[in-house]
Amino acid sequence: MSHVLVAKERTDFKQSTLRELRENGEIPAVVYGSENGSQAISVNYADLKKTLKEIGRNGIISLQCQGEEYQVMLSEYQSDPLKHEMYHADFLIVDMSEEVQANVRVNLVGQSIGVKDGGVLQQSLHEVTVTATPGNIPESIDVDVTELEVNETLYISDLNMKQGVTLNHSGDEVVASVLAPRQEREISTGEQQESGIPTNEEGRETAASPESQA
């Protein structure tokens, strides 16, 4: 079941207009994937947050705009790292019968034998990319680590996916492992590791302006 989200068309792209949108509880967005290319829209941020809370990150949304209705997924978004609030969203129009790629969160479930024996559980992969039809994409992937002992590792090839869902990863990619306490200390303190990371990385700009993303 998809949830309805109402959108408004955007025709004014001035920064002052974008600021006004956000001040009024809306965020700029783009819907794309149709024969007409992409369309600039805005959606109510509170409504979007409520919808995503109910259906999950990869849920299907019925996006209504200017008398048209599209089945969409939230494909990408930009958020403020300090406020943890979304300020721009991209919606992909989907065909429910055609496969798409999506990012899915990985959850480690249970307390492993190795941790009970004093080891330290390390999660190497927090998200995976899958290919499936929109209605078949899992909200998250739970990985049972109960039987994982010290110095044992779980790989992508160990994950059991439901039929119709393909993991877009190499089978030997590490998902999680239990390190012996000594190994964990070496990793956290940097012991026995090769140097080679620049000591001075000042001046590198990595964050884009919120307005430039609209």
Protein backbone atom coordinates (compact mmCIF):
# COMPACT_ATOMS: atom_id res chain seq x y z
CA MET A 1 0.00 0.00 0.00
CA SER A 2 1.38 3.39 -0.98
CA HIS A 3 0.90 6.61 0.97
CA VAL A 4 -0.25 9.87 -0.62
CA LEU A 5 2.00 12.93 -0.59
CA VAL A 6 0.85 16.19 -2.16
CA ALA A 7 3.41 18.27 -4.09
CA LYS A 8 3.39 21.71 -5.67
CA GLU A 9 5.11 22.67 -8.91
CA ARG A 10 8.10 25.02 -8.63
CA THR A 11 8.79 27.65 -11.27
CA ASP A 12 10.78 30.21 -9.24
CA PHE A 13 14.33 29.06 -8.47
CA LYS A 14 15.70 32.19 -6.76
CA GLN A 15 17.54 31.58 -3.51
CA SER A 16 15.19 33.93 -1.67
CA THR A 17 12.23 31.82 -2.83
CA LEU A 18 13.94 28.61 -1.67
CA ARG A 19 14.59 30.14 1.75
CA GLU A 20 10.96 31.22 1.97
CA LEU A 21 9.84 27.69 1.05
CA ARG A 22 11.86 26.19 3.89
CA GLU A 23 10.71 28.83 6.36
CA ASN A 24 7.12 27.85 5.53
CA GLY A 25 7.74 24.18 6.25
CA GLU A 26 8.27 23.08 2.62
CA ILE A 27 11.39 21.68 1.00
CA PRO A 28 12.35 21.87 -2.69
CA ALA A 29 12.38 18.56 -4.54
CA VAL A 30 12.58 17.00 -7.99
CA VAL A 31 10.50 14.18 -9.45
CA TYR A 32 12.05 12.37 -12.42
CA GLY A 33 11.85 9.19 -14.45
CA SER A 34 8.94 10.00 -16.76
CA GLU A 35 9.03 10.64 -20.50
CA ASN A 36 8.94 14.36 -19.72
CA GLY A 37 12.25 14.30 -17.88
CA SER A 38 12.32 15.93 -14.45
CA GLN A 39 9.94 18.34 -12.75
CA ALA A 40 10.78 20.78 -9.95
CA ILE A 41 8.36 20.51 -7.03
CA SER A 42 8.06 21.22 -3.33
CA VAL A 43 6.58 19.07 -0.57
CA ASN A 44 5.57 19.65 3.03
CA TYR A 45 8.49 18.48 5.14
CA ALA A 46 6.37 17.33 8.10
CA ASP A 47 4.17 15.26 5.77
CA LEU A 48 7.23 13.71 4.11
CA LYS A 49 8.80 12.79 7.48
CA LYS A 50 5.54 11.24 8.65
CA THR A 51 5.21 9.26 5.41
CA LEU A 52 8.77 7.92 5.56
CA LYS A 53 8.32 6.96 9.22
CA GLU A 54 5.25 4.90 8.26
CA ILE A 55 6.52 3.21 5.09
CA GLY A 56 10.30 3.23 5.52
CA ARG A 57 13.13 4.66 3.42
CA ASN A 58 12.31 2.52 0.37
CA GLY A 59 8.52 2.59 0.56
CA ILE A 60 6.23 3.53 -2.33
CA ILE A 61 4.64 6.99 -2.29
CA SER A 62 1.70 8.20 -4.40
CA LEU A 63 2.92 11.68 -5.29
CA GLN A 64 0.12 14.01 -6.39
CA CYS A 65 1.06 17.14 -8.33
CA GLN A 66 -0.94 19.41 -10.66
CA GLY A 67 -3.66 16.83 -11.20
CA GLU A 68 -1.14 14.04 -11.92
CA GLU A 69 -0.31 11.11 -9.66
CA TYR A 70 2.98 9.19 -9.74
CA GLN A 71 4.20 6.10 -7.91
CA VAL A 72 7.59 7.18 -6.59
CA MET A 73 10.42 6.26 -4.25
CA LEU A 74 12.72 8.63 -2.40
CA SER A 75 15.92 8.10 -4.40
CA GLU A 76 18.26 10.74 -2.97
CA TYR A 77 18.14 13.52 -0.42
CA GLN A 78 20.35 16.19 1.11
CA SER A 79 20.26 16.91 4.83
CA ASP A 80 21.88 19.30 7.28
CA PRO A 81 24.55 17.35 9.23
CA LEU A 82 24.05 19.50 12.33
CA LYS A 83 20.25 19.79 12.43
CA HIS A 84 19.70 16.33 10.87
CA GLU A 85 16.92 17.82 8.76
CA MET A 86 16.34 17.18 5.08
CA TYR A 87 16.51 20.24 2.83
CA HIS A 88 16.15 18.71 -0.65
CA ALA A 89 14.69 15.48 -2.01
CA ASP A 90 14.71 13.56 -5.30
CA PHE A 91 11.80 11.25 -6.13
CA LEU A 92 12.10 8.51 -8.77
CA ILE A 93 8.97 7.49 -10.69
CA VAL A 94 8.84 3.70 -10.66
CA ASP A 95 7.14 0.95 -12.59
CA MET A 96 6.03 -1.60 -9.98
CA SER A 97 6.90 -4.45 -12.36
CA GLU A 98 10.43 -3.28 -13.18
CA GLU A 99 13.50 -3.78 -11.00
CA VAL A 100 15.31 -0.82 -9.47
CA GLN A 101 18.37 -0.39 -7.27
CA ALA A 102 18.03 0.76 -3.68
CA ASN A 103 20.19 1.16 -0.57
CA VAL A 104 19.10 -0.96 2.40
CA ARG A 105 20.26 -0.68 6.01
CA VAL A 106 22.01 -3.69 7.64
CA ASN A 107 21.07 -4.49 11.25
CA LEU A 108 23.11 -6.90 13.39
CA VAL A 109 20.79 -8.95 15.59
CA GLY A 110 21.60 -10.93 18.75
CA GLN A 111 24.62 -11.15 21.05
CA SER A 112 27.38 -13.25 19.58
CA ILE A 113 29.19 -16.07 21.37
CA GLY A 114 32.44 -14.24 20.66
CA VAL A 115 31.30 -11.10 22.48
CA LYS A 116 30.27 -13.19 25.50
CA ASP A 117 33.81 -14.62 25.44
CA GLY A 118 35.31 -11.11 25.57
CA GLY A 119 35.62 -10.36 21.87
CA VAL A 120 34.52 -7.13 20.18
CA LEU A 121 31.89 -7.11 17.43
CA GLN A 122 32.82 -4.92 14.47
CA GLN A 123 30.29 -4.06 11.76
CA SER A 124 32.06 -3.34 8.47
CA LEU A 125 28.98 -2.84 6.30
CA HIS A 126 26.09 -0.70 7.49
CA GLU A 127 24.26 -0.47 4.17
CA VAL A 128 24.00 -2.61 1.03
CA THR A 129 22.71 -1.99 -2.48
CA VAL A 130 20.05 -4.37 -3.76
CA THR A 131 18.15 -4.87 -7.01
CA ALA A 132 14.46 -5.79 -6.83
CA THR A 133 11.01 -4.66 -7.93
CA PRO A 134 9.87 -1.66 -5.84
CA GLY A 135 7.36 -3.65 -3.80
CA ASN A 136 9.95 -6.31 -2.98
CA ILE A 137 12.70 -4.07 -1.56
CA PRO A 138 13.23 -4.80 2.16
CA GLU A 139 13.17 -1.90 4.59
CA SER A 140 16.24 -3.37 6.29
CA ILE A 141 18.28 -6.58 6.38
CA ASP A 142 18.63 -8.29 9.78
CA VAL A 143 21.80 -10.35 10.20
CA ASP A 144 21.90 -12.85 13.07
CA VAL A 145 25.36 -12.80 14.69
CA THR A 146 24.50 -15.09 17.63
CA GLU A 147 26.78 -17.93 16.48
CA LEU A 148 29.71 -15.69 15.54
CA GLU A 149 32.80 -16.58 17.60
CA VAL A 150 36.06 -14.70 18.23
CA ASN A 151 38.09 -14.33 15.00
CA GLU A 152 35.11 -15.36 12.87
CA THR A 153 33.68 -13.26 10.04
CA LEU A 154 30.35 -12.96 8.25
CA TYR A 155 30.53 -12.23 4.52
CA ILE A 156 28.01 -11.07 1.93
CA SER A 157 27.86 -14.68 0.72
CA ASP A 158 26.53 -15.72 4.15
CA LEU A 159 23.41 -13.54 3.87
CA ASN A 160 20.15 -15.24 2.99
CA MET A 161 18.04 -12.94 0.82
CA LYS A 162 14.41 -13.55 -0.01
CA GLN A 163 13.55 -14.58 -3.55
CA GLY A 164 13.55 -11.71 -6.02
CA VAL A 165 16.14 -9.62 -4.15
CA THR A 166 19.72 -9.50 -5.49
CA LEU A 167 22.68 -8.13 -3.51
CA ASN A 168 24.92 -5.96 -5.69
CA HIS A 169 28.08 -6.86 -3.78
CA SER A 170 30.98 -9.27 -4.03
CA GLY A 171 30.46 -12.42 -1.98
CA ASP A 172 33.76 -11.95 -0.12
CA GLU A 173 32.85 -8.48 1.17
CA VAL A 174 32.91 -8.43 4.99
CA VAL A 175 29.66 -7.63 6.83
CA ALA A 176 30.74 -8.17 10.43
CA SER A 177 33.43 -9.90 12.48
CA VAL A 178 34.34 -10.56 16.10
CA LEU A 179 37.83 -9.35 16.98
CA ALA A 180 39.91 -10.59 19.88
CA PRO A 181 40.34 -7.78 22.47
CA ARG A 182 44.01 -7.30 21.50
CA GLN A 183 43.10 -6.88 17.80
CA GLU A 184 40.43 -4.33 18.68
CA ARG A 185 42.94 -2.24 20.67
CA GLU A 186 45.39 -2.26 17.77
CA ILE A 187 42.73 -1.00 15.37
CA SER A 188 41.44 1.73 17.70
CA THR A 189 44.92 3.00 18.65
CA GLY A 190 46.42 2.70 15.20
CA GLU A 191 49.12 0.24 16.27
CA GLN A 192 50.75 -1.87 13.57
CA GLN A 193 49.16 0.17 10.81
CA GLU A 194 50.98 1.69 7.86
CA SER A 195 51.16 5.45 7.80
CA GLY A 196 50.28 7.26 4.62
CA ILE A 197 47.34 9.48 5.41
CA PRO A 198 48.21 13.16 4.89
CA THR A 199 48.64 14.93 8.21
CA ASN A 200 47.35 18.22 6.87
CA GLU A 201 44.16 18.24 4.87
CA GLU A 202 43.13 21.83 5.56
CA GLY A 203 41.45 23.79 2.82
CA ARG A 204 39.56 20.85 1.31
CA GLU A 205 35.97 21.82 0.57
CA THR A 206 33.63 18.82 0.70
CA ALA A 207 30.22 20.20 1.56
CA ALA A 208 28.01 21.81 -1.06
CA SER A 209 25.77 24.75 -0.29
CA PRO A 210 22.16 23.71 0.41
CA GLU A 211 20.88 26.17 -2.18
CA SER A 212 23.16 24.79 -4.90
CA GLN A 213 21.47 21.39 -4.49
CA ALA A 214 18.00 22.71 -5.30
